[in-house]
Protein backbone atom coordinates (compact mmCIF):
# COMPACT_ATOMS: atom_id res chain seq x y z
CA MET A 1 107.72 29.39 -60.44
CA LEU A 2 109.43 32.71 -59.87
CA VAL A 3 108.55 35.26 -62.55
CA THR A 4 110.85 38.26 -62.77
CA ASP A 5 109.91 41.75 -63.76
CA ASP A 6 111.79 44.85 -64.80
CA ARG A 7 112.33 45.97 -61.19
CA ILE A 8 115.29 43.62 -60.90
CA LEU A 9 117.18 45.54 -63.59
CA ALA A 10 117.40 48.57 -61.29
CA LEU A 11 119.26 46.56 -58.65
CA PRO A 12 123.06 46.62 -58.37
CA ASP A 13 123.01 42.81 -58.82
CA PRO A 14 119.83 41.65 -60.58
CA LEU A 15 120.73 38.02 -59.88
CA GLU A 16 120.76 38.45 -56.11
CA PRO A 17 116.96 38.25 -55.49
CA ILE A 18 116.60 35.45 -58.04
CA MET A 19 119.32 33.39 -56.38
CA GLY A 20 117.75 34.05 -52.98
CA ALA A 21 114.41 32.79 -54.25
CA VAL A 22 116.09 29.67 -55.66
CA ARG A 23 117.75 29.01 -52.30
CA GLY A 24 114.29 29.40 -50.80
CA GLY A 25 112.89 26.63 -52.97
CA VAL A 26 111.43 27.96 -56.21
CA THR A 27 111.42 25.17 -58.77
CA SER A 28 111.69 27.24 -61.97
CA VAL A 29 112.42 30.79 -63.09
CA GLN A 30 110.64 32.66 -65.86
CA LEU A 31 112.72 35.59 -67.04
CA ARG A 32 110.08 38.20 -67.91
CA LEU A 33 111.56 41.58 -68.78
CA LYS A 34 109.22 43.75 -70.84
CA THR A 35 111.33 46.89 -71.24
CA ALA A 36 114.87 45.52 -71.52
CA PRO A 37 116.66 45.30 -74.87
CA ALA A 38 117.02 41.78 -76.29
CA VAL A 39 120.79 41.76 -75.78
CA GLU A 40 120.34 42.48 -72.07
CA ILE A 41 117.72 39.73 -71.70
CA LEU A 42 120.01 37.30 -73.51
CA GLY A 43 122.95 38.15 -71.27
CA LEU A 44 120.96 37.69 -68.08
CA ALA A 45 119.35 34.51 -69.44
CA ARG A 46 122.75 32.98 -70.22
CA ARG A 47 123.97 33.78 -66.71
CA LEU A 48 120.90 32.19 -65.14
CA VAL A 49 121.12 29.06 -67.30
CA ALA A 50 124.79 28.66 -66.34
CA MET A 51 124.13 29.16 -62.62
CA LEU A 52 120.87 27.32 -61.99
CA GLU A 53 120.00 23.65 -61.90
CA ILE A 54 116.27 24.37 -62.23
CA PRO A 55 114.51 25.20 -65.51
CA VAL A 56 114.89 28.75 -66.81
CA LEU A 57 112.12 29.87 -69.17
CA ILE A 58 112.15 33.04 -71.24
CA ASN A 59 108.98 35.09 -71.54
CA ASP A 60 107.70 35.74 -75.07
CA ARG A 61 111.01 35.10 -76.88
CA PRO A 62 111.74 31.61 -78.28
CA ASP A 63 114.72 33.10 -80.13
CA ILE A 64 116.33 34.25 -76.89
CA ALA A 65 115.43 30.97 -75.17
CA ARG A 66 117.22 29.05 -77.91
CA ALA A 67 120.26 31.33 -77.96
CA ALA A 68 120.60 31.17 -74.18
CA GLY A 69 120.16 27.41 -73.95
CA ALA A 70 117.12 27.92 -71.72
CA ALA A 71 114.76 25.06 -70.87
CA GLY A 72 111.92 26.74 -72.72
CA VAL A 73 109.62 29.67 -73.18
CA HIS A 74 106.40 31.10 -71.77
CA LEU A 75 104.05 32.58 -74.35
CA GLY A 76 101.20 35.06 -74.13
CA PRO A 77 98.11 35.04 -76.34
CA ASP A 78 99.70 37.57 -78.73
CA ASP A 79 102.96 35.63 -79.12
CA LEU A 80 103.87 32.72 -81.38
CA SER A 81 101.67 29.67 -80.99
CA PRO A 82 103.00 26.82 -78.85
CA ALA A 83 103.32 24.72 -82.02
CA LEU A 84 105.53 27.31 -83.75
CA ALA A 85 107.60 27.83 -80.60
CA ARG A 86 108.17 24.08 -80.46
CA LYS A 87 109.48 24.17 -84.03
CA VAL A 88 112.00 26.82 -82.96
CA LEU A 89 113.01 25.14 -79.70
CA GLY A 90 112.54 21.42 -80.41
CA SER A 91 110.52 18.68 -78.81
CA HIS A 92 112.51 18.71 -75.55
CA ALA A 93 111.62 22.33 -74.70
CA ILE A 94 109.17 23.32 -72.00
CA ILE A 95 106.46 25.47 -73.57
CA GLY A 96 104.13 27.39 -71.28
CA ALA A 97 101.19 29.54 -72.31
CA SER A 98 99.08 32.16 -70.58
CA ALA A 99 95.31 31.83 -70.46
CA GLY A 100 92.95 34.30 -68.85
CA SER A 101 89.75 33.48 -70.73
CA GLU A 102 88.09 30.60 -72.55
CA GLY A 103 89.22 32.08 -75.87
CA GLU A 104 92.82 32.22 -74.72
CA THR A 105 92.71 28.55 -73.70
CA LEU A 106 92.24 27.74 -77.40
CA LEU A 107 95.46 29.61 -78.19
CA ALA A 108 97.28 27.78 -75.38
CA ARG A 109 96.64 24.32 -76.85
CA GLY A 110 99.86 22.44 -77.44
CA ALA A 111 101.65 23.98 -74.45
CA ASP A 112 103.14 21.80 -71.71
CA TYR A 113 101.50 23.89 -68.98
CA TRP A 114 99.16 26.86 -68.71
CA GLY A 115 99.61 29.92 -66.53
CA ILE A 116 96.04 30.91 -65.66
CA GLY A 117 95.28 34.33 -64.26
CA PRO A 118 95.15 36.78 -62.90
CA TRP A 119 94.09 35.10 -59.67
CA ARG A 120 93.53 38.57 -58.18
CA GLN A 121 94.37 42.15 -59.11
CA THR A 122 98.08 42.51 -59.79
CA GLY A 123 100.39 45.48 -60.02
CA SER A 124 103.17 43.71 -61.90
CA LYS A 125 101.31 43.33 -65.21
CA ALA A 126 99.11 46.21 -66.32
CA ASP A 127 97.30 44.27 -69.05
CA ALA A 128 96.54 41.19 -66.95
CA GLY A 129 92.76 41.51 -67.20
CA ALA A 130 90.04 41.13 -64.60
CA PRO A 131 90.76 38.89 -61.61
CA LEU A 132 89.47 35.32 -62.00
CA GLY A 133 89.49 34.26 -58.36
CA ALA A 134 89.22 30.61 -57.38
CA ASP A 135 86.01 29.95 -59.35
CA GLY A 136 87.25 31.48 -62.60
CA PHE A 137 90.58 29.73 -62.24
CA ALA A 138 88.86 26.37 -61.63
CA LYS A 139 86.68 26.83 -64.71
CA LEU A 140 89.70 27.39 -66.97
CA ALA A 141 91.69 24.65 -65.23
CA ARG A 142 88.97 22.15 -66.14
CA LEU A 143 89.39 23.12 -69.81
CA ALA A 144 93.07 22.17 -69.61
CA GLY A 145 92.29 18.48 -69.18
CA ASP A 146 95.57 16.72 -68.34
CA ILE A 147 97.72 19.82 -68.93
CA PRO A 148 99.14 21.12 -65.63
CA VAL A 149 98.01 24.63 -64.73
CA ILE A 150 99.55 27.20 -62.42
CA ALA A 151 97.96 30.31 -60.99
CA ILE A 152 99.50 33.74 -61.50
CA GLY A 153 98.49 37.27 -60.64
CA GLY A 154 98.72 38.73 -57.15
CA ILE A 155 99.51 35.34 -55.61
CA VAL A 156 100.51 35.25 -51.94
CA ALA A 157 101.50 32.23 -49.86
CA ASP A 158 98.03 32.01 -48.30
CA ASP A 159 96.61 31.31 -51.80
CA VAL A 160 98.49 28.06 -52.37
CA ALA A 161 95.90 25.76 -50.75
CA ALA A 162 93.04 27.42 -52.65
CA VAL A 163 94.97 27.11 -55.94
CA HIS A 164 95.49 23.39 -55.33
CA ALA A 165 91.82 22.97 -54.40
CA ALA A 166 90.83 24.70 -57.66
CA GLY A 167 92.89 22.27 -59.73
CA GLY A 168 96.24 24.04 -59.86
CA ALA A 169 99.56 22.23 -59.87
CA GLY A 170 101.37 25.25 -58.49
CA VAL A 171 101.78 29.01 -58.52
CA ALA A 172 103.78 31.62 -60.38
CA VAL A 173 104.89 34.49 -58.17
CA VAL A 174 106.32 37.91 -58.88
CA SER A 175 105.81 40.58 -56.21
CA ALA A 176 105.31 38.39 -53.13
CA ILE A 177 108.87 37.15 -53.59
CA LEU A 178 110.73 39.85 -55.53
CA GLY A 179 109.02 42.64 -53.58
CA ALA A 180 109.97 41.09 -50.23
CA SER A 181 112.93 42.38 -48.25
CA ASP A 182 114.17 38.77 -48.08
CA PRO A 183 113.30 36.83 -51.26
CA GLU A 184 114.72 33.60 -49.84
CA ALA A 185 112.45 33.73 -46.78
CA ALA A 186 109.49 34.69 -48.96
CA ALA A 187 110.10 31.68 -51.21
CA ARG A 188 110.40 29.43 -48.17
CA ALA A 189 106.99 30.63 -47.01
CA PHE A 190 105.50 29.37 -50.28
CA GLN A 191 107.31 26.05 -49.90
CA ALA A 192 106.03 25.64 -46.35
CA VAL A 193 102.37 25.94 -47.37
CA GLY A 194 102.81 24.02 -50.62
CA ARG A 195 103.62 20.73 -48.92
């Protein structure tokens, strides 16, 4: 999963790195923009939904996800519950939830997948919490039961095997792809080690 951040808004074409990452093999995009006005997020979300054949999820905002026709939403511990988001978006929606502690796993119940992290220290989310590492990730992944979990937070391609070994179904990546000079090649590097 590619997770965007507000850096893309400063680019002449914010879709360019996202489209490069999609060409490189990312299987979903989470539009996470913390400082942009809702109307700007909605506009970009609608463009992505129209252009991409992979799921587009909107961070924190079920209302924008619904208005944009997105596949679903990714929620943090301080957002609506997965159950309430499902009422807004319907039973077909993909609902993801963040979990960085045992307490947060209780709030994530009812989601279709959990984003567990941070795997390591990350610069793209100031309030991410202390790094979990492989052991902390594995502990929370076991609490998920049959719910797929993905690792997020400072993930690089070399982490993919360790994430899988710790019970992860995949990874969510921000900087290692969007911060690369060639997002397509960076995404391909993740695909190469994920097979």
